[in-house]
Amino acid sequence: MIGEVSHFFSILASGLFFLSFVFSTRTYNGNHNLELLVSRVFSYGFSFILISFLLYVWLAIQSDFSIRYIAEHSNKDLPIFYKISSILLIIFFDLGLVNDANVSSTLPSLLINIL
C-alpha cells in the first residue's frame, strides 16, 4: 500500500513540475500573480517528490520486496546505508542530476579546447 502511495506522489509531483514549466513560460508579461502561482506549484511539486523519496527510503529500509527496484537491488542482510544510497542513486538518475556517458566523455576534450 505504501508503494502505491509513493508512486502516486511521484506521478503527482511530475505533473506539478510540468504545470510549473508551462506556467513559467507565460511569466514574461510581468504578471505577479502568475509568478506566485509558479512558485507555489513548484514548491508543492518539490514537497510531493520529497515525500515520495522518503517513502521509498522507508520501503527500502523495511525490505519491502513488492517494489521491483528494491527486490532487484536489495536483500535483507544489506546494511541500511547501502539501502538508502541505492534509492538516492535511482532518484538522481531519474531526475537527470547525473550526466550521461556521452556528455561526460566529451567533457575533457571540451576543456582542453577551451584552455
N, C-alpha and C. Protein backbone atom coordinates (compact mmCIF):
# COMPACT_ATOMS: atom_id res chain seq x y z
N MET A 1 0.82 -1.20 0.00
CA MET A 1 0.00 0.00 0.00
C MET A 1 0.86 1.27 0.00
N ILE A 2 1.94 1.26 0.79
CA ILE A 2 2.81 2.43 0.85
C ILE A 2 3.50 2.64 -0.49
N GLY A 3 3.80 1.55 -1.19
CA GLY A 3 4.43 1.66 -2.50
C GLY A 3 3.54 2.38 -3.50
N GLU A 4 2.26 2.08 -3.47
CA GLU A 4 1.33 2.75 -4.38
C GLU A 4 1.19 4.23 -4.04
N VAL A 5 1.19 4.55 -2.76
CA VAL A 5 1.12 5.95 -2.34
C VAL A 5 2.36 6.70 -2.81
N SER A 6 3.51 6.06 -2.69
CA SER A 6 4.75 6.68 -3.14
C SER A 6 4.75 6.90 -4.65
N HIS A 7 4.27 5.91 -5.38
CA HIS A 7 4.14 6.07 -6.83
C HIS A 7 3.19 7.22 -7.17
N PHE A 8 2.09 7.30 -6.46
CA PHE A 8 1.12 8.37 -6.69
C PHE A 8 1.75 9.74 -6.47
N PHE A 9 2.51 9.89 -5.37
CA PHE A 9 3.17 11.16 -5.10
C PHE A 9 4.21 11.50 -6.17
N SER A 10 4.90 10.49 -6.69
CA SER A 10 5.87 10.73 -7.76
C SER A 10 5.19 11.23 -9.03
N ILE A 11 4.10 10.60 -9.38
CA ILE A 11 3.36 11.00 -10.58
C ILE A 11 2.75 12.38 -10.40
N LEU A 12 2.20 12.64 -9.22
CA LEU A 12 1.62 13.94 -8.92
C LEU A 12 2.69 15.04 -8.98
N ALA A 13 3.87 14.76 -8.44
CA ALA A 13 4.97 15.73 -8.49
C ALA A 13 5.40 15.99 -9.93
N SER A 14 5.44 14.95 -10.75
CA SER A 14 5.81 15.15 -12.16
C SER A 14 4.81 16.05 -12.86
N GLY A 15 3.53 15.84 -12.60
CA GLY A 15 2.51 16.70 -13.18
C GLY A 15 2.62 18.14 -12.71
N LEU A 16 2.92 18.33 -11.43
CA LEU A 16 3.07 19.68 -10.91
C LEU A 16 4.30 20.38 -11.48
N PHE A 17 5.38 19.62 -11.65
CA PHE A 17 6.57 20.21 -12.27
C PHE A 17 6.30 20.61 -13.72
N PHE A 18 5.51 19.78 -14.42
CA PHE A 18 5.15 20.13 -15.79
C PHE A 18 4.28 21.39 -15.82
N LEU A 19 3.31 21.48 -14.91
CA LEU A 19 2.49 22.69 -14.83
C LEU A 19 3.32 23.91 -14.48
N SER A 20 4.29 23.74 -13.60
CA SER A 20 5.19 24.83 -13.25
C SER A 20 5.96 25.31 -14.47
N PHE A 21 6.39 24.36 -15.30
CA PHE A 21 7.10 24.71 -16.53
C PHE A 21 6.18 25.47 -17.49
N VAL A 22 4.96 24.98 -17.65
CA VAL A 22 4.02 25.62 -18.57
C VAL A 22 3.68 27.03 -18.09
N PHE A 23 3.42 27.16 -16.80
CA PHE A 23 3.10 28.49 -16.26
C PHE A 23 4.29 29.43 -16.31
N SER A 24 5.49 28.90 -16.12
CA SER A 24 6.67 29.77 -16.10
C SER A 24 7.00 30.33 -17.48
N THR A 25 6.55 29.67 -18.54
CA THR A 25 6.78 30.21 -19.87
C THR A 25 5.91 31.42 -20.15
N ARG A 26 4.89 31.64 -19.33
CA ARG A 26 3.97 32.76 -19.53
C ARG A 26 4.20 33.91 -18.54
N THR A 27 5.28 33.87 -17.78
CA THR A 27 5.51 34.91 -16.78
C THR A 27 6.26 36.12 -17.33
N TYR A 28 6.58 36.11 -18.58
CA TYR A 28 7.34 37.23 -19.14
C TYR A 28 6.51 38.50 -19.27
N ASN A 29 5.22 38.43 -19.09
CA ASN A 29 4.37 39.61 -19.18
C ASN A 29 4.46 40.48 -17.93
N GLY A 30 5.15 40.01 -16.89
CA GLY A 30 5.24 40.76 -15.65
C GLY A 30 4.05 40.56 -14.75
N ASN A 31 3.31 39.49 -14.95
CA ASN A 31 2.14 39.20 -14.13
C ASN A 31 2.61 38.62 -12.79
N HIS A 32 2.46 39.39 -11.73
CA HIS A 32 2.96 38.99 -10.42
C HIS A 32 2.18 37.80 -9.85
N ASN A 33 0.88 37.74 -10.09
CA ASN A 33 0.07 36.63 -9.60
C ASN A 33 0.48 35.30 -10.23
N LEU A 34 0.84 35.35 -11.52
CA LEU A 34 1.29 34.14 -12.18
C LEU A 34 2.64 33.68 -11.65
N GLU A 35 3.50 34.62 -11.30
CA GLU A 35 4.79 34.26 -10.70
C GLU A 35 4.60 33.59 -9.34
N LEU A 36 3.65 34.09 -8.57
CA LEU A 36 3.34 33.45 -7.28
C LEU A 36 2.77 32.05 -7.48
N LEU A 37 1.94 31.89 -8.49
CA LEU A 37 1.38 30.59 -8.79
C LEU A 37 2.47 29.59 -9.17
N VAL A 38 3.42 30.04 -9.99
CA VAL A 38 4.52 29.17 -10.39
C VAL A 38 5.34 28.74 -9.18
N SER A 39 5.63 29.67 -8.29
CA SER A 39 6.43 29.31 -7.12
C SER A 39 5.69 28.36 -6.20
N ARG A 40 4.39 28.55 -6.05
CA ARG A 40 3.61 27.64 -5.20
C ARG A 40 3.50 26.25 -5.82
N VAL A 41 3.24 26.20 -7.11
CA VAL A 41 3.12 24.90 -7.77
C VAL A 41 4.45 24.16 -7.70
N PHE A 42 5.56 24.88 -7.91
CA PHE A 42 6.87 24.24 -7.83
C PHE A 42 7.16 23.75 -6.41
N SER A 43 6.81 24.54 -5.41
CA SER A 43 7.07 24.11 -4.03
C SER A 43 6.21 22.91 -3.65
N TYR A 44 4.97 22.85 -4.13
CA TYR A 44 4.15 21.67 -3.88
C TYR A 44 4.73 20.45 -4.59
N GLY A 45 5.20 20.63 -5.81
CA GLY A 45 5.83 19.52 -6.52
C GLY A 45 7.07 19.02 -5.79
N PHE A 46 7.87 19.95 -5.27
CA PHE A 46 9.05 19.55 -4.52
C PHE A 46 8.65 18.82 -3.24
N SER A 47 7.60 19.27 -2.56
CA SER A 47 7.16 18.57 -1.34
C SER A 47 6.70 17.16 -1.66
N PHE A 48 5.97 17.00 -2.76
CA PHE A 48 5.48 15.67 -3.10
C PHE A 48 6.62 14.74 -3.51
N ILE A 49 7.62 15.26 -4.21
CA ILE A 49 8.74 14.40 -4.60
C ILE A 49 9.57 14.04 -3.37
N LEU A 50 9.65 14.95 -2.41
CA LEU A 50 10.37 14.66 -1.17
C LEU A 50 9.63 13.60 -0.35
N ILE A 51 8.31 13.71 -0.26
CA ILE A 51 7.52 12.69 0.45
C ILE A 51 7.67 11.34 -0.23
N SER A 52 7.63 11.34 -1.56
CA SER A 52 7.79 10.10 -2.30
C SER A 52 9.17 9.48 -2.04
N PHE A 53 10.20 10.30 -2.05
CA PHE A 53 11.55 9.81 -1.78
C PHE A 53 11.63 9.21 -0.38
N LEU A 54 11.08 9.89 0.61
CA LEU A 54 11.14 9.38 1.98
C LEU A 54 10.36 8.07 2.11
N LEU A 55 9.26 7.95 1.40
CA LEU A 55 8.51 6.69 1.43
C LEU A 55 9.30 5.56 0.78
N TYR A 56 9.98 5.85 -0.34
CA TYR A 56 10.83 4.84 -0.97
C TYR A 56 11.97 4.42 -0.04
N VAL A 57 12.56 5.38 0.68
CA VAL A 57 13.62 5.04 1.63
C VAL A 57 13.06 4.15 2.73
N TRP A 58 11.88 4.50 3.24
CA TRP A 58 11.25 3.68 4.27
C TRP A 58 10.99 2.26 3.77
N LEU A 59 10.52 2.14 2.54
CA LEU A 59 10.28 0.81 1.98
C LEU A 59 11.57 0.03 1.81
N ALA A 60 12.65 0.72 1.44
CA ALA A 60 13.94 0.05 1.29
C ALA A 60 14.48 -0.41 2.64
N ILE A 61 14.32 0.42 3.66
CA ILE A 61 14.79 0.04 5.00
C ILE A 61 14.00 -1.15 5.52
N GLN A 62 12.71 -1.18 5.25
CA GLN A 62 11.86 -2.28 5.70
C GLN A 62 12.00 -3.54 4.83
N SER A 63 12.79 -3.45 3.76
CA SER A 63 12.98 -4.55 2.81
C SER A 63 11.65 -5.02 2.24
N ASP A 64 10.86 -4.08 1.77
CA ASP A 64 9.58 -4.39 1.13
C ASP A 64 9.86 -4.77 -0.32
N PHE A 65 9.82 -6.05 -0.59
CA PHE A 65 10.18 -6.55 -1.91
C PHE A 65 9.02 -6.51 -2.90
N SER A 66 7.93 -5.84 -2.57
CA SER A 66 6.85 -5.67 -3.53
C SER A 66 7.20 -4.60 -4.56
N ILE A 67 8.16 -3.75 -4.26
CA ILE A 67 8.67 -2.76 -5.21
C ILE A 67 9.77 -3.43 -6.02
N ARG A 68 9.65 -3.40 -7.32
CA ARG A 68 10.57 -4.14 -8.18
C ARG A 68 12.02 -3.70 -8.00
N TYR A 69 12.26 -2.39 -7.93
CA TYR A 69 13.63 -1.90 -7.80
C TYR A 69 14.27 -2.38 -6.49
N ILE A 70 13.51 -2.35 -5.43
CA ILE A 70 14.04 -2.81 -4.14
C ILE A 70 14.27 -4.32 -4.18
N ALA A 71 13.40 -5.06 -4.82
CA ALA A 71 13.57 -6.51 -4.92
C ALA A 71 14.81 -6.88 -5.74
N GLU A 72 15.12 -6.09 -6.77
CA GLU A 72 16.26 -6.41 -7.62
C GLU A 72 17.59 -5.94 -7.06
N HIS A 73 17.60 -4.87 -6.24
CA HIS A 73 18.85 -4.28 -5.81
C HIS A 73 19.06 -4.30 -4.30
N SER A 74 18.36 -5.15 -3.60
CA SER A 74 18.50 -5.17 -2.15
C SER A 74 18.28 -6.58 -1.63
N ASN A 75 18.68 -6.80 -0.39
CA ASN A 75 18.35 -8.02 0.32
C ASN A 75 18.23 -7.70 1.80
N LYS A 76 17.79 -8.68 2.58
CA LYS A 76 17.54 -8.40 4.00
C LYS A 76 18.81 -8.18 4.79
N ASP A 77 19.93 -8.71 4.33
CA ASP A 77 21.19 -8.59 5.08
C ASP A 77 21.98 -7.34 4.73
N LEU A 78 21.53 -6.57 3.76
CA LEU A 78 22.25 -5.37 3.34
C LEU A 78 22.14 -4.29 4.41
N PRO A 79 23.25 -3.62 4.74
CA PRO A 79 23.17 -2.54 5.74
C PRO A 79 22.28 -1.39 5.27
N ILE A 80 21.73 -0.66 6.22
CA ILE A 80 20.77 0.41 5.93
C ILE A 80 21.41 1.49 5.06
N PHE A 81 22.68 1.79 5.29
CA PHE A 81 23.36 2.82 4.49
C PHE A 81 23.30 2.50 3.01
N TYR A 82 23.54 1.23 2.64
CA TYR A 82 23.53 0.84 1.24
C TYR A 82 22.12 0.84 0.66
N LYS A 83 21.14 0.53 1.49
CA LYS A 83 19.76 0.57 1.00
C LYS A 83 19.35 2.01 0.68
N ILE A 84 19.71 2.93 1.56
CA ILE A 84 19.37 4.34 1.33
C ILE A 84 20.13 4.89 0.14
N SER A 85 21.40 4.53 0.01
CA SER A 85 22.18 5.06 -1.11
C SER A 85 21.70 4.50 -2.44
N SER A 86 21.16 3.29 -2.46
CA SER A 86 20.62 2.77 -3.72
C SER A 86 19.39 3.56 -4.16
N ILE A 87 18.57 3.97 -3.20
CA ILE A 87 17.40 4.79 -3.53
C ILE A 87 17.86 6.18 -3.98
N LEU A 88 18.88 6.72 -3.33
CA LEU A 88 19.43 8.02 -3.75
C LEU A 88 19.91 7.97 -5.19
N LEU A 89 20.60 6.91 -5.55
CA LEU A 89 21.12 6.80 -6.92
C LEU A 89 20.01 6.73 -7.94
N ILE A 90 18.98 5.96 -7.67
CA ILE A 90 17.90 5.86 -8.65
C ILE A 90 17.14 7.17 -8.76
N ILE A 91 17.01 7.91 -7.66
CA ILE A 91 16.36 9.22 -7.73
C ILE A 91 17.21 10.17 -8.56
N PHE A 92 18.52 10.17 -8.35
CA PHE A 92 19.39 11.05 -9.11
C PHE A 92 19.36 10.72 -10.59
N PHE A 93 19.36 9.42 -10.92
CA PHE A 93 19.31 9.05 -12.34
C PHE A 93 17.96 9.40 -12.95
N ASP A 94 16.87 9.20 -12.20
CA ASP A 94 15.55 9.52 -12.73
C ASP A 94 15.36 11.02 -12.93
N LEU A 95 15.90 11.81 -12.03
CA LEU A 95 15.75 13.25 -12.15
C LEU A 95 16.74 13.87 -13.13
N GLY A 96 17.68 13.08 -13.60
CA GLY A 96 18.65 13.60 -14.55
C GLY A 96 19.72 14.45 -13.91
N LEU A 97 20.01 14.22 -12.64
CA LEU A 97 21.03 15.00 -11.98
C LEU A 97 22.44 14.47 -12.24
N VAL A 98 22.53 13.32 -12.87
CA VAL A 98 23.82 12.73 -13.21
C VAL A 98 23.98 12.82 -14.72
N ASN A 99 25.13 13.28 -15.17
CA ASN A 99 25.36 13.40 -16.61
C ASN A 99 25.40 12.03 -17.25
N ASP A 100 24.93 11.97 -18.49
CA ASP A 100 25.01 10.70 -19.19
C ASP A 100 26.44 10.49 -19.70
N ALA A 101 26.70 9.28 -20.17
CA ALA A 101 28.08 8.90 -20.53
C ALA A 101 28.61 9.72 -21.71
N ASN A 102 27.75 10.10 -22.65
CA ASN A 102 28.22 10.86 -23.81
C ASN A 102 28.72 12.24 -23.42
N VAL A 103 28.01 12.90 -22.55
CA VAL A 103 28.42 14.24 -22.13
C VAL A 103 29.69 14.18 -21.31
N SER A 104 29.77 13.22 -20.38
CA SER A 104 30.94 13.16 -19.51
C SER A 104 32.18 12.70 -20.26
N SER A 105 32.02 11.94 -21.37
CA SER A 105 33.20 11.52 -22.12
C SER A 105 33.72 12.64 -23.01
N THR A 106 32.86 13.57 -23.42
CA THR A 106 33.32 14.68 -24.25
C THR A 106 33.75 15.88 -23.44
N LEU A 107 33.49 15.86 -22.14
CA LEU A 107 33.84 16.99 -21.30
C LEU A 107 35.34 17.26 -21.25
N PRO A 108 36.22 16.26 -21.09
CA PRO A 108 37.66 16.56 -21.07
C PRO A 108 38.15 17.17 -22.37
N SER A 109 37.64 16.73 -23.51
CA SER A 109 38.08 17.31 -24.79
C SER A 109 37.60 18.75 -24.92
N LEU A 110 36.41 19.05 -24.39
CA LEU A 110 35.94 20.44 -24.42
C LEU A 110 36.80 21.33 -23.54
N LEU A 111 37.21 20.83 -22.39
CA LEU A 111 38.06 21.61 -21.52
C LEU A 111 39.43 21.86 -22.12
N ILE A 112 39.97 20.86 -22.82
CA ILE A 112 41.27 21.04 -23.47
C ILE A 112 41.17 22.08 -24.57
N ASN A 113 40.06 22.06 -25.32
CA ASN A 113 39.89 23.05 -26.39
C ASN A 113 39.72 24.46 -25.85
N ILE A 114 39.08 24.58 -24.69
CA ILE A 114 38.91 25.91 -24.09
C ILE A 114 40.22 26.43 -23.58
N LEU A 115 41.01 25.59 -22.92
CA LEU A 115 42.29 26.02 -22.36
C LEU A 115 43.28 26.27 -23.46
